Amino acid sequence: MIKSGFSNQIFKQLIKFLPVIFTSVLLLAGCNNQGEKIPDVSNIKVSLQTYRFDKDLYAVDTNHIGEGLQKLSLKYPDFLNFFLDTIMAFGINSNFADSNKAIKEGLRVFLTYKDFTGLENTINKHYPDTKETDNELEKGFQYMKYYYPDFNPPKVIYVSLGLRNLPAFTIDTAILGICLDMFLGEEYPYYRSIGIPAYMGSHLAKSYIPVAAFKVIYSHSHPFIMDDRTLLDLMIQRGKEQYFLHKTLPRTPDSVLFGFTQSQVDWCNENEAMIYNFFINRNLLYNKESQNIIPYINDGPFAPGIPASGKIKSTPGNVGSWLGYKIVCNYMAQHPKVTLEELCNQQTDPAKFLNEARYKPK
């Protein structure tokens, strides 16, 4: 109800600008991944094809590996050789004879050695099927199709690489590989033996699979460039990646998208101005010295120089990426006609981007 003293002229002007105000509010709310008007993609059809290559490979009769590979080559004509020779580097080179030294001394060990077979057994206990993950990926591909109408979902092939610390990969745009051996939960005892630190624990959870998948899809078209780049440039690159993830996985919590604890997410939101001023006061935004800036845009145990406070024991090492995302959100709020594709493809100077974002946290 409008108060009687409110002039009709002012009221008409307010009504005129309400759509713009409302759009900006929605965009800003979306930066918290809460309250955002998520697009309805229920009518967008995508054809999702998924394969359990890990199960098929370990089902091969190890007394007749060559024969098994021949059968696999029919089911995986565009993947088998890539897996055997490019990823695993067995050097089989389509010679599927059991006498091939690469099969006898390479692949056979992978299929019979107790550490590798034990790993596959563990994978099957965690993932007797992949229906839950398939559903999440399919929904993400629907959002991809919404923002990129020409997008065609890749084939999804689940594999095990024997703990090579590679969570996901792409082969051009046709195949998305997901390495189930890297998503067995942070309590899986052998992750420490391959050098995965405790602060990366959240990246090892089942819930992180869609994030890892869409990260490699994004990086295929938008590789992260570090050479001779300022911290601000790196932050904006990471911020665009996170904005893409928030749009394609809109119901995923920030704690999962950033790999933070919820307490760290809350702390970042409560201390946004302090974090930004830290980079300003330390003259870090335009610093190009990698040893000084990389810890703020990569996962790490803490953010150097930024003390923990409140409920958190350590500041998130990747806090620069979080701040970059906030800058990108502000930019998009100021430029509501810019599409997701245009944002990700643009090559705007970082200083100009920051200026046009009008980013001034309080």
Protein backbone atom coordinates (compact mmCIF):
# COMPACT_ATOMS: atom_id res chain seq x y z
CA MET A 1 0.00 0.00 0.00
CA ILE A 2 1.40 3.43 -1.04
CA LYS A 3 1.43 6.15 1.58
CA SER A 4 -0.83 9.14 0.74
CA GLY A 5 2.11 11.58 0.67
CA PHE A 6 3.92 9.62 -2.09
CA SER A 7 3.56 11.60 -5.33
CA ASN A 8 2.10 9.92 -8.41
CA GLN A 9 5.04 11.13 -10.53
CA ILE A 10 7.64 9.48 -8.31
CA PHE A 11 5.55 6.33 -8.16
CA LYS A 12 5.38 6.16 -11.97
CA GLN A 13 9.16 6.59 -12.21
CA LEU A 14 9.66 3.80 -9.68
CA ILE A 15 7.38 1.46 -11.62
CA LYS A 16 9.30 2.30 -14.78
CA PHE A 17 12.61 1.14 -13.30
CA LEU A 18 11.32 -1.83 -11.30
CA PRO A 19 12.19 -4.41 -14.03
CA VAL A 20 15.81 -3.24 -14.07
CA ILE A 21 16.02 -3.22 -10.27
CA PHE A 22 14.39 -6.64 -10.05
CA THR A 23 16.78 -8.12 -12.63
CA SER A 24 19.81 -6.76 -10.77
CA VAL A 25 18.55 -8.12 -7.46
CA LEU A 26 18.09 -11.57 -9.00
CA LEU A 27 21.59 -11.53 -10.43
CA LEU A 28 23.13 -10.48 -7.15
CA ALA A 29 21.13 -13.08 -5.24
CA GLY A 30 22.38 -15.68 -7.67
CA CYS A 31 25.93 -14.96 -6.56
CA ASN A 32 25.07 -16.63 -3.30
CA ASN A 33 23.45 -19.53 -5.15
CA GLN A 34 20.36 -18.86 -3.05
CA GLY A 35 17.17 -17.08 -4.06
CA GLU A 36 18.16 -17.11 -7.72
CA LYS A 37 15.46 -17.61 -10.30
CA ILE A 38 16.78 -20.85 -11.76
CA PRO A 39 15.72 -21.42 -15.38
CA ASP A 40 13.16 -24.13 -16.07
CA VAL A 41 14.95 -26.70 -18.23
CA SER A 42 12.44 -29.52 -17.86
CA ASN A 43 11.47 -29.29 -21.54
CA ILE A 44 15.07 -29.33 -22.77
CA LYS A 45 15.89 -32.81 -24.02
CA VAL A 46 19.40 -34.21 -23.89
CA SER A 47 20.53 -37.69 -24.78
CA LEU A 48 22.88 -38.94 -22.07
CA GLN A 49 25.00 -42.00 -22.87
CA THR A 50 27.04 -43.45 -20.00
CA TYR A 51 29.39 -46.45 -19.93
CA ARG A 52 31.17 -48.36 -17.18
CA PHE A 53 34.46 -48.97 -18.94
CA ASP A 54 36.09 -49.89 -15.62
CA LYS A 55 33.70 -52.82 -15.15
CA ASP A 56 33.99 -53.92 -18.76
CA LEU A 57 37.78 -53.87 -18.64
CA TYR A 58 38.00 -55.86 -15.42
CA ALA A 59 35.52 -58.38 -16.81
CA VAL A 60 38.10 -59.39 -19.46
CA ASP A 61 39.37 -62.95 -19.09
CA THR A 62 43.01 -62.44 -18.11
CA ASN A 63 43.93 -65.74 -19.79
CA HIS A 64 42.68 -64.33 -23.09
CA ILE A 65 43.28 -60.59 -22.84
CA GLY A 66 43.73 -60.08 -26.58
CA GLU A 67 40.33 -61.58 -27.33
CA GLY A 68 38.78 -59.40 -24.64
CA LEU A 69 40.36 -56.28 -26.12
CA GLN A 70 38.98 -57.15 -29.54
CA LYS A 71 35.48 -57.19 -28.05
CA LEU A 72 36.08 -53.96 -26.14
CA SER A 73 37.26 -52.26 -29.32
CA LEU A 74 33.81 -52.87 -30.81
CA LYS A 75 32.06 -51.27 -27.84
CA TYR A 76 34.60 -48.47 -27.37
CA PRO A 77 36.00 -47.80 -30.88
CA ASP A 78 36.80 -44.16 -30.13
CA PHE A 79 38.13 -44.68 -26.60
CA LEU A 80 39.93 -47.98 -26.04
CA ASN A 81 43.22 -47.09 -27.73
CA PHE A 82 43.22 -43.63 -26.15
CA PHE A 83 42.88 -45.24 -22.73
CA LEU A 84 45.50 -47.93 -23.31
CA ASP A 85 48.15 -45.87 -25.03
CA THR A 86 47.60 -42.16 -24.29
CA ILE A 87 46.35 -42.25 -20.71
CA MET A 88 47.89 -45.45 -19.38
CA ALA A 89 50.86 -45.46 -21.78
CA PHE A 90 50.94 -49.25 -22.16
CA GLY A 91 52.07 -48.93 -25.78
CA ILE A 92 49.79 -51.66 -27.09
CA ASN A 93 49.14 -49.76 -30.32
CA SER A 94 46.20 -51.91 -31.49
CA ASN A 95 48.28 -55.10 -31.31
CA PHE A 96 45.84 -57.21 -29.32
CA ALA A 97 47.87 -60.43 -29.49
CA ASP A 98 48.42 -62.06 -26.10
CA SER A 99 52.08 -62.36 -27.01
CA ASN A 100 52.42 -58.57 -27.18
CA LYS A 101 54.93 -57.58 -24.48
CA ALA A 102 52.88 -54.46 -23.67
CA ILE A 103 49.93 -56.68 -22.80
CA LYS A 104 51.93 -59.28 -20.88
CA GLU A 105 53.98 -56.84 -18.82
CA GLY A 106 51.68 -53.83 -18.72
CA LEU A 107 47.94 -54.35 -19.05
CA ARG A 108 48.00 -57.83 -17.50
CA VAL A 109 49.57 -56.44 -14.34
CA PHE A 110 46.90 -53.73 -14.22
CA LEU A 111 44.18 -56.37 -14.45
CA THR A 112 45.63 -58.93 -12.01
CA TYR A 113 47.80 -57.20 -9.38
CA LYS A 114 45.97 -57.23 -6.05
CA ASP A 115 46.30 -53.49 -5.43
CA PHE A 116 44.53 -52.69 -8.71
CA THR A 117 41.88 -55.40 -8.40
CA GLY A 118 41.29 -54.33 -4.79
CA LEU A 119 40.80 -50.76 -5.99
CA GLU A 120 38.23 -51.88 -8.55
CA ASN A 121 36.40 -53.87 -5.89
CA THR A 122 36.27 -50.76 -3.71
CA ILE A 123 34.94 -48.72 -6.63
CA ASN A 124 32.17 -51.24 -7.20
CA LYS A 125 31.19 -51.08 -3.53
CA HIS A 126 30.91 -47.29 -3.71
CA TYR A 127 29.39 -47.28 -7.19
CA PRO A 128 27.38 -50.44 -7.88
CA ASP A 129 25.70 -48.15 -10.38
CA THR A 130 26.02 -44.49 -11.35
CA LYS A 131 22.34 -43.54 -11.57
CA GLU A 132 22.57 -40.70 -9.06
CA THR A 133 25.58 -39.14 -10.75
CA ASP A 134 24.07 -39.72 -14.19
CA ASN A 135 20.97 -37.77 -13.14
CA GLU A 136 23.06 -34.86 -11.88
CA LEU A 137 25.12 -34.77 -15.07
CA GLU A 138 22.01 -34.94 -17.23
CA LYS A 139 20.49 -31.98 -15.39
CA GLY A 140 23.75 -30.07 -15.80
CA PHE A 141 23.73 -30.80 -19.54
CA GLN A 142 20.18 -29.44 -19.71
CA TYR A 143 21.42 -26.16 -18.25
CA MET A 144 24.35 -26.23 -20.69
CA LYS A 145 21.86 -26.60 -23.53
CA TYR A 146 19.84 -23.71 -22.12
CA TYR A 147 22.83 -21.35 -22.14
CA TYR A 148 24.54 -22.89 -25.18
CA PRO A 149 21.79 -24.02 -27.60
CA ASP A 150 24.28 -25.70 -29.95
CA PHE A 151 25.79 -27.79 -27.17
CA ASN A 152 25.68 -31.57 -27.60
CA PRO A 153 26.39 -33.66 -24.49
CA PRO A 154 29.50 -35.85 -24.64
CA LYS A 155 29.49 -39.58 -24.00
CA VAL A 156 30.25 -40.19 -20.33
CA ILE A 157 32.74 -42.99 -19.72
CA TYR A 158 33.51 -44.05 -16.16
CA VAL A 159 37.02 -45.41 -15.66
CA SER A 160 39.63 -46.28 -13.07
CA LEU A 161 43.19 -45.12 -13.67
CA GLY A 162 44.80 -46.79 -10.66
CA LEU A 163 45.00 -43.64 -8.52
CA ARG A 164 46.76 -41.41 -11.04
CA ASN A 165 45.23 -38.33 -9.39
CA LEU A 166 43.20 -37.33 -12.44
CA PRO A 167 39.53 -36.78 -11.54
CA ALA A 168 38.12 -36.13 -15.02
CA PHE A 169 39.20 -35.47 -18.60
CA THR A 170 37.76 -34.76 -22.03
CA ILE A 171 38.58 -36.08 -25.48
CA ASP A 172 37.71 -33.14 -27.71
CA THR A 173 34.02 -32.45 -27.06
CA ALA A 174 32.84 -36.00 -27.74
CA ILE A 175 33.88 -37.86 -24.58
CA LEU A 176 33.88 -36.98 -20.90
CA GLY A 177 35.93 -39.35 -18.79
CA ILE A 178 35.19 -39.59 -15.07
CA CYS A 179 37.73 -41.41 -12.93
CA LEU A 180 35.78 -43.13 -10.16
CA ASP A 181 39.00 -44.06 -8.35
CA MET A 182 39.30 -40.38 -7.37
CA PHE A 183 35.87 -40.17 -5.71
CA LEU A 184 35.97 -42.78 -2.94
CA GLY A 185 35.66 -40.29 -0.08
CA GLU A 186 38.36 -38.50 1.88
CA GLU A 187 38.65 -41.44 4.31
CA TYR A 188 39.93 -43.78 1.60
CA PRO A 189 43.34 -44.64 3.06
CA TYR A 190 45.49 -44.70 -0.07
CA TYR A 191 44.91 -41.08 -1.14
CA ARG A 192 47.56 -39.89 1.29
CA SER A 193 50.07 -42.34 -0.20
CA ILE A 194 49.78 -40.65 -3.61
CA GLY A 195 50.29 -37.21 -2.10
CA ILE A 196 46.74 -35.84 -1.86
CA PRO A 197 46.69 -33.45 1.13
CA ALA A 198 43.93 -33.31 3.72
CA TYR A 199 42.64 -29.92 2.52
CA MET A 200 41.64 -31.55 -0.78
CA GLY A 201 39.31 -33.97 0.99
CA SER A 202 36.10 -32.35 -0.27
CA HIS A 203 37.23 -32.94 -3.86
CA LEU A 204 37.22 -36.69 -3.25
CA ALA A 205 33.52 -36.96 -2.45
CA LYS A 206 30.82 -38.32 -4.73
CA SER A 207 29.08 -34.94 -4.59
CA TYR A 208 32.10 -33.34 -6.28
CA ILE A 209 31.89 -35.44 -9.46
CA PRO A 210 29.62 -33.01 -11.37
CA VAL A 211 31.88 -30.10 -10.38
CA ALA A 212 34.98 -31.91 -11.63
CA ALA A 213 33.14 -32.86 -14.82
CA PHE A 214 31.94 -29.37 -15.66
CA LYS A 215 35.30 -27.88 -14.75
CA VAL A 216 37.03 -29.93 -17.45
CA ILE A 217 34.25 -29.13 -19.93
CA TYR A 218 34.82 -25.44 -19.22
CA SER A 219 38.63 -25.63 -19.33
CA HIS A 220 38.53 -27.43 -22.68
CA SER A 221 37.25 -24.22 -24.29
CA HIS A 222 38.71 -21.78 -21.76
CA PRO A 223 42.13 -23.00 -20.58
CA PHE A 224 43.49 -21.31 -17.49
CA ILE A 225 46.42 -19.06 -18.50
CA MET A 226 48.96 -18.25 -15.78
CA ASP A 227 52.04 -16.98 -17.60
CA ASP A 228 52.74 -13.27 -17.08
CA ARG A 229 49.28 -12.65 -15.59
CA THR A 230 48.41 -10.47 -12.61
CA LEU A 231 46.55 -11.81 -9.62
CA LEU A 232 43.50 -9.81 -10.72
CA ASP A 233 43.62 -11.49 -14.13
CA LEU A 234 43.85 -14.93 -12.52
CA MET A 235 41.04 -14.10 -10.10
CA ILE A 236 38.75 -13.06 -12.94
CA GLN A 237 39.61 -16.19 -14.92
CA ARG A 238 38.71 -18.32 -11.90
CA GLY A 239 35.67 -16.16 -11.24
CA LYS A 240 34.32 -16.77 -14.74
CA GLU A 241 34.84 -20.50 -14.30
CA GLN A 242 32.90 -20.39 -11.03
CA TYR A 243 30.14 -18.30 -12.60
CA PHE A 244 29.85 -20.96 -15.31
CA LEU A 245 29.67 -23.69 -12.65
CA HIS A 246 27.02 -21.80 -10.69
CA LYS A 247 24.89 -21.51 -13.84
CA THR A 248 25.25 -25.11 -14.98
CA LEU A 249 25.01 -26.60 -11.47
CA PRO A 250 22.68 -24.04 -9.88
CA ARG A 251 21.44 -26.24 -7.05
CA THR A 252 24.92 -27.22 -5.88
CA PRO A 253 26.00 -25.48 -2.62
CA ASP A 254 28.90 -23.03 -2.69
CA SER A 255 30.77 -25.27 -0.26
CA VAL A 256 30.87 -27.99 -2.92
CA LEU A 257 31.50 -25.68 -5.88
CA PHE A 258 34.48 -24.02 -4.18
CA GLY A 259 35.62 -27.05 -2.19
CA PHE A 260 35.31 -25.07 1.07
CA THR A 261 33.68 -26.02 4.34
CA GLN A 262 30.34 -24.30 4.95
CA SER A 263 32.00 -22.36 7.80
CA GLN A 264 34.61 -21.06 5.35
CA VAL A 265 31.89 -20.00 2.90
CA ASP A 266 30.10 -18.16 5.71
CA TRP A 267 33.35 -16.54 6.81
CA CYS A 268 34.07 -15.33 3.26
CA ASN A 269 30.61 -13.80 2.97
CA GLU A 270 31.00 -12.06 6.33
CA ASN A 271 34.49 -10.74 5.55
CA GLU A 272 34.23 -9.86 1.84
CA ALA A 273 35.38 -6.25 2.25
CA MET A 274 38.28 -7.27 4.49
CA ILE A 275 39.45 -9.86 1.97
CA TYR A 276 39.32 -7.38 -0.90
CA ASN A 277 41.12 -4.71 1.14
CA PHE A 278 43.81 -7.24 2.04
CA PHE A 279 44.70 -7.61 -1.64
CA ILE A 280 44.54 -3.83 -2.13
CA ASN A 281 46.68 -2.97 0.89
CA ARG A 282 49.29 -5.61 0.05
CA ASN A 283 49.49 -4.36 -3.57
CA LEU A 284 48.70 -7.85 -4.78
CA LEU A 285 46.02 -7.25 -7.42
CA TYR A 286 48.54 -6.28 -10.11
CA ASN A 287 51.36 -8.48 -8.84
CA LYS A 288 52.70 -11.04 -11.34
CA GLU A 289 55.14 -12.87 -9.06
CA SER A 290 53.79 -16.41 -8.99
CA GLN A 291 55.15 -17.28 -5.55
CA ASN A 292 53.18 -14.36 -4.10
CA ILE A 293 49.87 -14.84 -5.88
CA ILE A 294 49.34 -18.52 -6.80
CA PRO A 295 48.36 -19.56 -3.23
CA TYR A 296 45.27 -17.34 -3.51
CA ILE A 297 43.84 -18.89 -6.68
CA ASN A 298 44.71 -22.56 -6.12
CA ASP A 299 43.51 -24.93 -3.44
CA GLY A 300 45.71 -24.79 -0.38
CA PRO A 301 45.74 -25.30 3.40
CA PHE A 302 45.19 -21.57 4.09
CA ALA A 303 45.38 -18.10 2.54
CA PRO A 304 48.81 -16.64 3.43
CA GLY A 305 48.57 -13.48 5.51
CA ILE A 306 44.81 -13.63 6.08
CA PRO A 307 44.16 -14.75 9.66
CA ALA A 308 41.33 -17.09 10.54
CA SER A 309 38.61 -15.80 12.81
CA GLY A 310 35.27 -16.82 14.20
CA LYS A 311 34.30 -20.43 13.56
CA ILE A 312 37.02 -21.31 11.03
CA LYS A 313 40.39 -22.77 11.91
CA SER A 314 42.02 -21.77 8.63
CA THR A 315 41.21 -19.36 5.83
CA PRO A 316 40.51 -21.10 2.50
CA GLY A 317 43.59 -21.03 0.29
CA ASN A 318 41.52 -20.49 -2.83
CA VAL A 319 39.94 -17.30 -1.48
CA GLY A 320 41.08 -15.31 -4.53
CA SER A 321 38.90 -17.47 -6.77
CA TRP A 322 35.96 -16.84 -4.47
CA LEU A 323 36.58 -13.09 -4.65
CA GLY A 324 36.98 -13.30 -8.42
CA TYR A 325 33.55 -14.90 -8.59
CA LYS A 326 32.10 -12.02 -6.58
CA ILE A 327 33.65 -9.53 -8.99
CA VAL A 328 32.19 -11.41 -11.96
CA CYS A 329 28.77 -11.43 -10.28
CA ASN A 330 28.95 -7.67 -9.90
CA TYR A 331 29.99 -7.30 -13.53
CA MET A 332 27.02 -9.35 -14.70
CA ALA A 333 24.67 -7.36 -12.48
CA GLN A 334 25.92 -4.22 -14.22
CA HIS A 335 25.62 -5.82 -17.67
CA PRO A 336 22.42 -7.92 -17.60
CA LYS A 337 22.33 -8.28 -21.39
CA VAL A 338 25.67 -10.09 -21.50
CA THR A 339 25.12 -13.82 -21.99
CA LEU A 340 27.05 -16.55 -20.20
CA GLU A 341 28.77 -17.47 -23.45
CA GLU A 342 29.77 -13.86 -24.12
CA LEU A 343 31.13 -13.49 -20.60
CA CYS A 344 33.25 -16.61 -20.85
CA ASN A 345 34.58 -15.73 -24.30
CA GLN A 346 35.39 -12.06 -23.75
CA GLN A 347 39.01 -10.94 -23.43
CA THR A 348 38.47 -7.71 -21.49
CA ASP A 349 41.46 -6.11 -19.77
CA PRO A 350 41.25 -7.10 -16.06
CA ALA A 351 41.49 -3.51 -14.79
CA LYS A 352 38.74 -2.44 -17.17
CA PHE A 353 36.64 -5.45 -16.14
CA LEU A 354 37.01 -4.54 -12.46
CA ASN A 355 36.10 -0.93 -13.18
CA GLU A 356 33.03 -1.93 -15.19
CA ALA A 357 31.99 -4.32 -12.42
CA ARG A 358 31.83 -1.35 -10.00
CA TYR A 359 32.92 -3.73 -7.31
CA LYS A 360 33.08 -2.01 -3.93
CA PRO A 361 32.27 -4.45 -1.10
CA LYS A 362 31.23 -2.98 2.25
